[in-house]
């Protein structure tokens, strides 16, 4: 299954060549950020295990608010916080 990052990496350059002159600059920045997310182009966190001294490298995420990878946890947290928020209805049955 492809992710939006895979799609942007594969088709983004051609799409930008064709439509880039008509796109808002912020849209281009979003495509660029998501394309680089967790590839190492956004930086790398380096951790060393205290027990075995093995070095681990973890590519950083882009942090863009439109990136489904970066915002997945925030989406889940928002859903949990708001799932019980319902508008008060008088005299009507809730069908949910």
PDB file of N, CA and C in Angstrom:
ATOM      1  N   UNK A   1       0.838  -1.180   0.000  1.00  0.00           N
ATOM      2  CA  UNK A   1       0.000   0.000   0.000  1.00  0.00           C
ATOM      3  C   UNK A   1       0.883   1.244   0.000  1.00  0.00           C
ATOM      4  N   UNK A   2       0.599   2.163  -0.878  1.00  0.00           N
ATOM      5  CA  UNK A   2       1.370   3.394  -0.975  1.00  0.00           C
ATOM      6  C   UNK A   2       0.923   4.390   0.086  1.00  0.00           C
ATOM      7  N   UNK A   3       1.865   5.175   0.534  1.00  0.00           N
ATOM      8  CA  UNK A   3       1.540   6.278   1.429  1.00  0.00           C
ATOM      9  C   UNK A   3       1.533   7.563   0.604  1.00  0.00           C
ATOM     10  N   UNK A   4       1.031   8.616   1.192  1.00  0.00           N
ATOM     11  CA  UNK A   4       1.024   9.905   0.482  1.00  0.00           C
ATOM     12  C   UNK A   4       2.465  10.331   0.193  1.00  0.00           C
ATOM     13  N   UNK A   5       3.392   9.983   1.100  1.00  0.00           N
ATOM     14  CA  UNK A   5       4.801  10.310   0.864  1.00  0.00           C
ATOM     15  C   UNK A   5       5.315   9.590  -0.379  1.00  0.00           C
ATOM     16  N   UNK A   6       4.981   8.303  -0.516  1.00  0.00           N
ATOM     17  CA  UNK A   6       5.402   7.542  -1.697  1.00  0.00           C
ATOM     18  C   UNK A   6       4.853   8.166  -2.978  1.00  0.00           C
ATOM     19  N   UNK A   7       3.599   8.577  -2.920  1.00  0.00           N
ATOM     20  CA  UNK A   7       2.957   9.182  -4.096  1.00  0.00           C
ATOM     21  C   UNK A   7       3.632  10.506  -4.437  1.00  0.00           C
ATOM     22  N   UNK A   8       3.882  11.325  -3.426  1.00  0.00           N
ATOM     23  CA  UNK A   8       4.555  12.600  -3.678  1.00  0.00           C
ATOM     24  C   UNK A   8       5.973  12.387  -4.198  1.00  0.00           C
ATOM     25  N   UNK A   9       6.688  11.402  -3.651  1.00  0.00           N
ATOM     26  CA  UNK A   9       8.042  11.146  -4.118  1.00  0.00           C
ATOM     27  C   UNK A   9       8.051  10.689  -5.576  1.00  0.00           C
ATOM     28  N   UNK A  10       7.093   9.837  -5.929  1.00  0.00           N
ATOM     29  CA  UNK A  10       7.066   9.289  -7.283  1.00  0.00           C
ATOM     30  C   UNK A  10       6.510  10.273  -8.312  1.00  0.00           C
ATOM     31  N   UNK A  11       5.421  10.930  -7.968  1.00  0.00           N
ATOM     32  CA  UNK A  11       4.718  11.746  -8.959  1.00  0.00           C
ATOM     33  C   UNK A  11       4.853  13.247  -8.729  1.00  0.00           C
ATOM     34  N   UNK A  12       5.341  13.654  -7.566  1.00  0.00           N
ATOM     35  CA  UNK A  12       5.437  15.071  -7.242  1.00  0.00           C
ATOM     36  C   UNK A  12       6.225  15.898  -8.232  1.00  0.00           C
ATOM     37  N   UNK A  13       7.438  15.457  -8.616  1.00  0.00           N
ATOM     38  CA  UNK A  13       8.213  16.279  -9.553  1.00  0.00           C
ATOM     39  C   UNK A  13       7.494  16.530 -10.874  1.00  0.00           C
ATOM     40  N   UNK A  14       6.880  15.495 -11.451  1.00  0.00           N
ATOM     41  CA  UNK A  14       6.149  15.682 -12.710  1.00  0.00           C
ATOM     42  C   UNK A  14       4.932  16.578 -12.512  1.00  0.00           C
ATOM     43  N   UNK A  15       4.238  16.383 -11.394  1.00  0.00           N
ATOM     44  CA  UNK A  15       3.058  17.201 -11.095  1.00  0.00           C
ATOM     45  C   UNK A  15       3.455  18.670 -10.964  1.00  0.00           C
ATOM     46  N   UNK A  16       4.562  18.922 -10.253  1.00  0.00           N
ATOM     47  CA  UNK A  16       5.013  20.302 -10.074  1.00  0.00           C
ATOM     48  C   UNK A  16       5.467  20.921 -11.385  1.00  0.00           C
ATOM     49  N   UNK A  17       6.077  20.129 -12.268  1.00  0.00           N
ATOM     50  CA  UNK A  17       6.463  20.648 -13.585  1.00  0.00           C
ATOM     51  C   UNK A  17       5.232  21.079 -14.377  1.00  0.00           C
ATOM     52  N   UNK A  18       4.184  20.268 -14.261  1.00  0.00           N
ATOM     53  CA  UNK A  18       2.985  20.536 -15.047  1.00  0.00           C
ATOM     54  C   UNK A  18       2.122  21.653 -14.451  1.00  0.00           C
ATOM     55  N   UNK A  19       1.970  21.670 -13.117  1.00  0.00           N
ATOM     56  CA  UNK A  19       1.030  22.595 -12.483  1.00  0.00           C
ATOM     57  C   UNK A  19       1.674  23.578 -11.504  1.00  0.00           C
ATOM     58  N   UNK A  20       2.969  23.482 -11.299  1.00  0.00           N
ATOM     59  CA  UNK A  20       3.645  24.276 -10.277  1.00  0.00           C
ATOM     60  C   UNK A  20       3.489  25.770 -10.426  1.00  0.00           C
ATOM     61  N   UNK A  21       3.418  26.237 -11.666  1.00  0.00           N
ATOM     62  CA  UNK A  21       3.295  27.680 -11.881  1.00  0.00           C
ATOM     63  C   UNK A  21       1.920  28.202 -11.485  1.00  0.00           C
ATOM     64  N   UNK A  22       0.953  27.288 -11.320  1.00  0.00           N
ATOM     65  CA  UNK A  22      -0.407  27.690 -10.936  1.00  0.00           C
ATOM     66  C   UNK A  22      -0.732  27.359  -9.484  1.00  0.00           C
ATOM     67  N   UNK A  23       0.217  26.794  -8.767  1.00  0.00           N
ATOM     68  CA  UNK A  23      -0.029  26.375  -7.382  1.00  0.00           C
ATOM     69  C   UNK A  23       0.450  27.427  -6.404  1.00  0.00           C
ATOM     70  N   UNK A  24      -0.247  27.581  -5.289  1.00  0.00           N
ATOM     71  CA  UNK A  24       0.268  28.460  -4.233  1.00  0.00           C
ATOM     72  C   UNK A  24       1.597  27.899  -3.689  1.00  0.00           C
ATOM     73  N   UNK A  25       2.458  28.769  -3.299  1.00  0.00           N
ATOM     74  CA  UNK A  25       3.779  28.365  -2.798  1.00  0.00           C
ATOM     75  C   UNK A  25       3.660  27.428  -1.590  1.00  0.00           C
ATOM     76  N   UNK A  26       2.677  27.642  -0.750  1.00  0.00           N
ATOM     77  CA  UNK A  26       2.512  26.806   0.441  1.00  0.00           C
ATOM     78  C   UNK A  26       2.212  25.356   0.055  1.00  0.00           C
ATOM     79  N   UNK A  27       1.499  25.138  -1.039  1.00  0.00           N
ATOM     80  CA  UNK A  27       1.202  23.777  -1.490  1.00  0.00           C
ATOM     81  C   UNK A  27       2.489  23.069  -1.918  1.00  0.00           C
ATOM     82  N   UNK A  28       3.356  23.806  -2.571  1.00  0.00           N
ATOM     83  CA  UNK A  28       4.647  23.241  -2.982  1.00  0.00           C
ATOM     84  C   UNK A  28       5.481  22.868  -1.760  1.00  0.00           C
ATOM     85  N   UNK A  29       5.431  23.712  -0.747  1.00  0.00           N
ATOM     86  CA  UNK A  29       6.179  23.435   0.484  1.00  0.00           C
ATOM     87  C   UNK A  29       5.647  22.192   1.197  1.00  0.00           C
ATOM     88  N   UNK A  30       4.335  22.011   1.180  1.00  0.00           N
ATOM     89  CA  UNK A  30       3.725  20.828   1.800  1.00  0.00           C
ATOM     90  C   UNK A  30       4.166  19.571   1.068  1.00  0.00           C
ATOM     91  N   UNK A  31       4.116  19.587  -0.250  1.00  0.00           N
ATOM     92  CA  UNK A  31       4.555  18.434  -1.035  1.00  0.00           C
ATOM     93  C   UNK A  31       6.015  18.123  -0.741  1.00  0.00           C
ATOM     94  N   UNK A  32       6.843  19.146  -0.687  1.00  0.00           N
ATOM     95  CA  UNK A  32       8.269  18.961  -0.403  1.00  0.00           C
ATOM     96  C   UNK A  32       8.485  18.382   0.991  1.00  0.00           C
ATOM     97  N   UNK A  33       7.797  18.921   1.985  1.00  0.00           N
ATOM     98  CA  UNK A  33       7.970  18.447   3.364  1.00  0.00           C
ATOM     99  C   UNK A  33       7.540  16.991   3.508  1.00  0.00           C
ATOM    100  N   UNK A  34       6.362  16.651   2.982  1.00  0.00           N
ATOM    101  CA  UNK A  34       5.860  15.284   3.110  1.00  0.00           C
ATOM    102  C   UNK A  34       6.746  14.316   2.331  1.00  0.00           C
ATOM    103  N   UNK A  35       7.282  14.744   1.204  1.00  0.00           N
ATOM    104  CA  UNK A  35       8.180  13.894   0.417  1.00  0.00           C
ATOM    105  C   UNK A  35       9.440  13.538   1.185  1.00  0.00           C
ATOM    106  N   UNK A  36       9.887  14.445   2.050  1.00  0.00           N
ATOM    107  CA  UNK A  36      11.123  14.230   2.806  1.00  0.00           C
ATOM    108  C   UNK A  36      10.904  13.598   4.176  1.00  0.00           C
ATOM    109  N   UNK A  37       9.658  13.476   4.589  1.00  0.00           N
ATOM    110  CA  UNK A  37       9.345  13.005   5.941  1.00  0.00           C
ATOM    111  C   UNK A  37       9.940  11.618   6.209  1.00  0.00           C
ATOM    112  N   UNK A  38      10.660  11.517   7.297  1.00  0.00           N
ATOM    113  CA  UNK A  38      11.278  10.270   7.772  1.00  0.00           C
ATOM    114  C   UNK A  38      12.168   9.587   6.737  1.00  0.00           C
ATOM    115  N   UNK A  39      12.831  10.409   5.924  1.00  0.00           N
ATOM    116  CA  UNK A  39      13.787   9.873   4.954  1.00  0.00           C
ATOM    117  C   UNK A  39      15.222  10.193   5.352  1.00  0.00           C
ATOM    118  N   UNK A  40      15.399  10.986   6.380  1.00  0.00           N
ATOM    119  CA  UNK A  40      16.725  11.451   6.760  1.00  0.00           C
ATOM    120  C   UNK A  40      17.001  12.853   6.261  1.00  0.00           C
ATOM    121  N   UNK A  41      16.224  13.312   5.285  1.00  0.00           N
ATOM    122  CA  UNK A  41      16.419  14.665   4.765  1.00  0.00           C
ATOM    123  C   UNK A  41      15.967  15.733   5.759  1.00  0.00           C
ATOM    124  N   UNK A  42      15.152  15.346   6.733  1.00  0.00           N
ATOM    125  CA  UNK A  42      14.716  16.278   7.780  1.00  0.00           C
ATOM    126  C   UNK A  42      15.613  16.175   9.014  1.00  0.00           C
ATOM    127  N   UNK A  43      16.649  15.384   8.910  1.00  0.00           N
ATOM    128  CA  UNK A  43      17.558  15.182  10.031  1.00  0.00           C
ATOM    129  C   UNK A  43      17.435  13.764  10.578  1.00  0.00           C
ATOM    130  N   UNK A  44      18.352  13.434  11.471  1.00  0.00           N
ATOM    131  CA  UNK A  44      18.387  12.103  12.051  1.00  0.00           C
ATOM    132  C   UNK A  44      18.654  12.229  13.547  1.00  0.00           C
ATOM    133  N   UNK A  45      17.892  11.489  14.340  1.00  0.00           N
ATOM    134  CA  UNK A  45      18.159  11.402  15.778  1.00  0.00           C
ATOM    135  C   UNK A  45      19.062  10.194  15.998  1.00  0.00           C
ATOM    136  N   UNK A  46      20.089  10.375  16.798  1.00  0.00           N
ATOM    137  CA  UNK A  46      21.041   9.295  17.060  1.00  0.00           C
ATOM    138  C   UNK A  46      20.962   8.940  18.538  1.00  0.00           C
ATOM    139  N   UNK A  47      20.745   7.663  18.803  1.00  0.00           N
ATOM    140  CA  UNK A  47      20.673   7.158  20.169  1.00  0.00           C
ATOM    141  C   UNK A  47      21.703   6.053  20.343  1.00  0.00           C
ATOM    142  N   UNK A  48      22.280   6.002  21.529  1.00  0.00           N
ATOM    143  CA  UNK A  48      23.235   4.947  21.854  1.00  0.00           C
ATOM    144  C   UNK A  48      22.670   4.138  23.014  1.00  0.00           C
ATOM    145  N   UNK A  49      22.621   2.818  22.840  1.00  0.00           N
ATOM    146  CA  UNK A  49      22.123   1.925  23.881  1.00  0.00           C
ATOM    147  C   UNK A  49      23.099   1.911  25.051  1.00  0.00           C
ATOM    148  N   UNK A  50      22.581   2.136  26.259  1.00  0.00           N
ATOM    149  CA  UNK A  50      23.429   2.134  27.453  1.00  0.00           C
ATOM    150  C   UNK A  50      24.005   0.759  27.764  1.00  0.00           C
ATOM    151  N   UNK A  51      23.303  -0.282  27.338  1.00  0.00           N
ATOM    152  CA  UNK A  51      23.737  -1.636  27.682  1.00  0.00           C
ATOM    153  C   UNK A  51      24.741  -2.207  26.689  1.00  0.00           C
ATOM    154  N   UNK A  52      24.499  -2.042  25.397  1.00  0.00           N
ATOM    155  CA  UNK A  52      25.373  -2.674  24.396  1.00  0.00           C
ATOM    156  C   UNK A  52      26.186  -1.667  23.584  1.00  0.00           C
ATOM    157  N   UNK A  53      25.971  -0.387  23.824  1.00  0.00           N
ATOM    158  CA  UNK A  53      26.646   0.695  23.094  1.00  0.00           C
ATOM    159  C   UNK A  53      26.367   0.701  21.597  1.00  0.00           C
ATOM    160  N   UNK A  54      25.299   0.037  21.174  1.00  0.00           N
ATOM    161  CA  UNK A  54      24.936   0.060  19.762  1.00  0.00           C
ATOM    162  C   UNK A  54      24.321   1.420  19.429  1.00  0.00           C
ATOM    163  N   UNK A  55      24.693   1.935  18.277  1.00  0.00           N
ATOM    164  CA  UNK A  55      24.195   3.237  17.829  1.00  0.00           C
ATOM    165  C   UNK A  55      22.979   3.019  16.927  1.00  0.00           C
ATOM    166  N   UNK A  56      21.915   3.748  17.216  1.00  0.00           N
ATOM    167  CA  UNK A  56      20.680   3.655  16.436  1.00  0.00           C
ATOM    168  C   UNK A  56      20.390   5.008  15.799  1.00  0.00           C
ATOM    169  N   UNK A  57      20.038   4.987  14.523  1.00  0.00           N
ATOM    170  CA  UNK A  57      19.700   6.211  13.794  1.00  0.00           C
ATOM    171  C   UNK A  57      18.213   6.171  13.440  1.00  0.00           C
ATOM    172  N   UNK A  58      17.520   7.240  13.769  1.00  0.00           N
ATOM    173  CA  UNK A  58      16.097   7.343  13.473  1.00  0.00           C
ATOM    174  C   UNK A  58      15.849   8.612  12.661  1.00  0.00           C
ATOM    175  N   UNK A  59      15.363   8.458  11.424  1.00  0.00           N
ATOM    176  CA  UNK A  59      15.067   9.650  10.621  1.00  0.00           C
ATOM    177  C   UNK A  59      13.935  10.461  11.255  1.00  0.00           C
ATOM    178  N   UNK A  60      14.091  11.764  11.243  1.00  0.00           N
ATOM    179  CA  UNK A  60      13.091  12.650  11.836  1.00  0.00           C
ATOM    180  C   UNK A  60      11.950  12.913  10.867  1.00  0.00           C
ATOM    181  N   UNK A  61      10.803  13.227  11.432  1.00  0.00           N
ATOM    182  CA  UNK A  61       9.631  13.539  10.616  1.00  0.00           C
ATOM    183  C   UNK A  61       9.627  15.019  10.268  1.00  0.00           C
ATOM    184  N   UNK A  62       8.802  15.370   9.288  1.00  0.00           N
ATOM    185  CA  UNK A  62       8.764  16.749   8.799  1.00  0.00           C
ATOM    186  C   UNK A  62       8.022  17.680   9.752  1.00  0.00           C
ATOM    187  N   UNK A  63       7.049  17.137  10.495  1.00  0.00           N
ATOM    188  CA  UNK A  63       6.276  17.954  11.426  1.00  0.00           C
ATOM    189  C   UNK A  63       5.230  18.828  10.771  1.00  0.00           C
ATOM    190  N   UNK A  64       5.050  18.693   9.483  1.00  0.00           N
ATOM    191  CA  UNK A  64       4.071  19.520   8.776  1.00  0.00           C
ATOM    192  C   UNK A  64       2.661  19.162   9.226  1.00  0.00           C
ATOM    193  N   UNK A  65       1.831  20.155   9.425  1.00  0.00           N
ATOM    194  CA  UNK A  65       0.485  19.894   9.942  1.00  0.00           C
ATOM    195  C   UNK A  65      -0.401  19.150   8.952  1.00  0.00           C
ATOM    196  N   UNK A  66      -0.009  19.071   7.694  1.00  0.00           N
ATOM    197  CA  UNK A  66      -0.775  18.350   6.691  1.00  0.00           C
ATOM    198  C   UNK A  66      -0.293  16.910   6.506  1.00  0.00           C
ATOM    199  N   UNK A  67       0.803  16.556   7.132  1.00  0.00           N
ATOM    200  CA  UNK A  67       1.413  15.236   6.944  1.00  0.00           C
ATOM    201  C   UNK A  67       0.666  14.185   7.773  1.00  0.00           C
ATOM    202  N   UNK A  68       0.088  13.182   7.128  1.00  0.00           N
ATOM    203  CA  UNK A  68      -0.650  12.164   7.882  1.00  0.00           C
ATOM    204  C   UNK A  68       0.248  11.339   8.804  1.00  0.00           C
ATOM    205  N   UNK A  69       1.505  11.177   8.436  1.00  0.00           N
ATOM    206  CA  UNK A  69       2.440  10.435   9.283  1.00  0.00           C
ATOM    207  C   UNK A  69       2.720  11.204  10.569  1.00  0.00           C
ATOM    208  N   UNK A  70       2.994  12.476  10.434  1.00  0.00           N
ATOM    209  CA  UNK A  70       3.332  13.300  11.602  1.00  0.00           C
ATOM    210  C   UNK A  70       2.126  13.576  12.488  1.00  0.00           C
ATOM    211  N   UNK A  71       0.977  13.712  11.894  1.00  0.00           N
ATOM    212  CA  UNK A  71      -0.193  14.127  12.647  1.00  0.00           C
ATOM    213  C   UNK A  71      -1.084  12.967  13.078  1.00  0.00           C
ATOM    214  N   UNK A  72      -0.706  11.743  12.765  1.00  0.00           N
ATOM    215  CA  UNK A  72      -1.548  10.584  13.090  1.00  0.00           C
ATOM    216  C   UNK A  72      -1.849  10.499  14.590  1.00  0.00           C
ATOM    217  N   UNK A  73      -0.806  10.602  15.418  1.00  0.00           N
ATOM    218  CA  UNK A  73      -1.010  10.511  16.869  1.00  0.00           C
ATOM    219  C   UNK A  73      -1.881  11.659  17.370  1.00  0.00           C
ATOM    220  N   UNK A  74      -1.647  12.859  16.869  1.00  0.00           N
ATOM    221  CA  UNK A  74      -2.470  14.004  17.282  1.00  0.00           C
ATOM    222  C   UNK A  74      -3.925  13.807  16.882  1.00  0.00           C
ATOM    223  N   UNK A  75      -4.151  13.192  15.727  1.00  0.00           N
ATOM    224  CA  UNK A  75      -5.524  12.916  15.280  1.00  0.00           C
ATOM    225  C   UNK A  75      -6.206  11.936  16.222  1.00  0.00           C
ATOM    226  N   UNK A  76      -5.493  10.886  16.593  1.00  0.00           N
ATOM    227  CA  UNK A  76      -6.045   9.896  17.525  1.00  0.00           C
ATOM    228  C   UNK A  76      -6.352  10.554  18.869  1.00  0.00           C
ATOM    229  N   UNK A  77      -5.426  11.369  19.363  1.00  0.00           N
ATOM    230  CA  UNK A  77      -5.640  12.047  20.639  1.00  0.00           C
ATOM    231  C   UNK A  77      -6.835  12.980  20.563  1.00  0.00           C
ATOM    232  N   UNK A  78      -6.978  13.728  19.473  1.00  0.00           N
ATOM    233  CA  UNK A  78      -8.121  14.629  19.308  1.00  0.00           C
ATOM    234  C   UNK A  78      -9.417  13.833  19.276  1.00  0.00           C
ATOM    235  N   UNK A  79      -9.431  12.720  18.544  1.00  0.00           N
ATOM    236  CA  UNK A  79     -10.635  11.884  18.484  1.00  0.00           C
ATOM    237  C   UNK A  79     -11.023  11.374  19.862  1.00  0.00           C
ATOM    238  N   UNK A  80     -10.053  10.951  20.653  1.00  0.00           N
ATOM    239  CA  UNK A  80     -10.330  10.462  22.000  1.00  0.00           C
ATOM    240  C   UNK A  80     -10.915  11.569  22.878  1.00  0.00           C
ATOM    241  N   UNK A  81     -10.353  12.774  22.767  1.00  0.00           N
ATOM    242  CA  UNK A  81     -10.823  13.890  23.588  1.00  0.00           C
ATOM    243  C   UNK A  81     -12.228  14.327  23.216  1.00  0.00           C
ATOM    244  N   UNK A  82     -12.581  14.215  21.949  1.00  0.00           N
ATOM    245  CA  UNK A  82     -13.843  14.800  21.492  1.00  0.00           C
ATOM    246  C   UNK A  82     -14.931  13.791  21.165  1.00  0.00           C
ATOM    247  N   UNK A  83     -14.667  12.507  21.301  1.00  0.00           N
ATOM    248  CA  UNK A  83     -15.659  11.518  20.857  1.00  0.00           C
ATOM    249  C   UNK A  83     -16.953  11.559  21.655  1.00  0.00           C
ATOM    250  N   UNK A  84     -16.925  12.062  22.873  1.00  0.00           N
ATOM    251  CA  UNK A  84     -18.148  12.123  23.670  1.00  0.00           C
ATOM    252  C   UNK A  84     -18.817  13.493  23.642  1.00  0.00           C
ATOM    253  N   UNK A  85     -18.261  14.417  22.889  1.00  0.00           N
ATOM    254  CA  UNK A  85     -18.863  15.744  22.763  1.00  0.00           C
ATOM    255  C   UNK A  85     -20.019  15.678  21.779  1.00  0.00           C
ATOM    256  N   UNK A  86     -21.200  15.893  22.280  1.00  0.00           N
ATOM    257  CA  UNK A  86     -22.381  15.891  21.423  1.00  0.00           C
ATOM    258  C   UNK A  86     -23.206  17.125  21.732  1.00  0.00           C
ATOM    259  N   UNK A  87     -23.858  17.622  20.725  1.00  0.00           N
ATOM    260  CA  UNK A  87     -24.745  18.755  20.938  1.00  0.00           C
ATOM    261  C   UNK A  87     -25.966  18.300  21.730  1.00  0.00           C
ATOM    262  N   UNK A  88     -26.388  19.127  22.673  1.00  0.00           N
ATOM    263  CA  UNK A  88     -27.586  18.749  23.428  1.00  0.00           C
ATOM    264  C   UNK A  88     -28.817  18.860  22.542  1.00  0.00           C
ATOM    265  N   UNK A  89     -29.585  17.807  22.512  1.00  0.00           N
ATOM    266  CA  UNK A  89     -30.822  17.792  21.721  1.00  0.00           C
ATOM    267  C   UNK A  89     -31.983  17.517  22.660  1.00  0.00           C
ATOM    268  N   UNK A  90     -32.991  18.333  22.553  1.00  0.00           N
ATOM    269  CA  UNK A  90     -34.178  18.134  23.373  1.00  0.00           C
ATOM    270  C   UNK A  90     -35.318  17.608  22.531  1.00  0.00           C
ATOM    271  N   UNK A  91     -35.958  16.587  22.989  1.00  0.00           N
ATOM    272  CA  UNK A  91     -37.122  16.067  22.300  1.00  0.00           C
ATOM    273  C   UNK A  91     -36.790  15.265  21.045  1.00  0.00           C
ATOM    274  N   UNK A  92     -35.520  14.900  20.862  1.00  0.00           N
ATOM    275  CA  UNK A  92     -35.138  14.108  19.707  1.00  0.00           C
ATOM    276  C   UNK A  92     -34.304  12.924  20.162  1.00  0.00           C
ATOM    277  N   UNK A  93     -34.457  11.855  19.432  1.00  0.00           N
ATOM    278  CA  UNK A  93     -33.658  10.684  19.744  1.00  0.00           C
ATOM    279  C   UNK A  93     -32.319  10.773  19.001  1.00  0.00           C
ATOM    280  N   UNK A  94     -31.298  10.315  19.654  1.00  0.00           N
ATOM    281  CA  UNK A  94     -30.000  10.227  19.019  1.00  0.00           C
ATOM    282  C   UNK A  94     -29.902   8.867  18.345  1.00  0.00           C
ATOM    283  N   UNK A  95     -29.536   8.833  17.100  1.00  0.00           N
ATOM    284  CA  UNK A  95     -29.495   7.572  16.377  1.00  0.00           C
ATOM    285  C   UNK A  95     -28.080   7.000  16.275  1.00  0.00           C
ATOM    286  N   UNK A  96     -27.171   7.552  17.020  1.00  0.00           N
ATOM    287  CA  UNK A  96     -25.786   7.067  16.956  1.00  0.00           C
ATOM    288  C   UNK A  96     -25.537   6.020  17.995  1.00  0.00           C
TER     289      UNK A  96
END
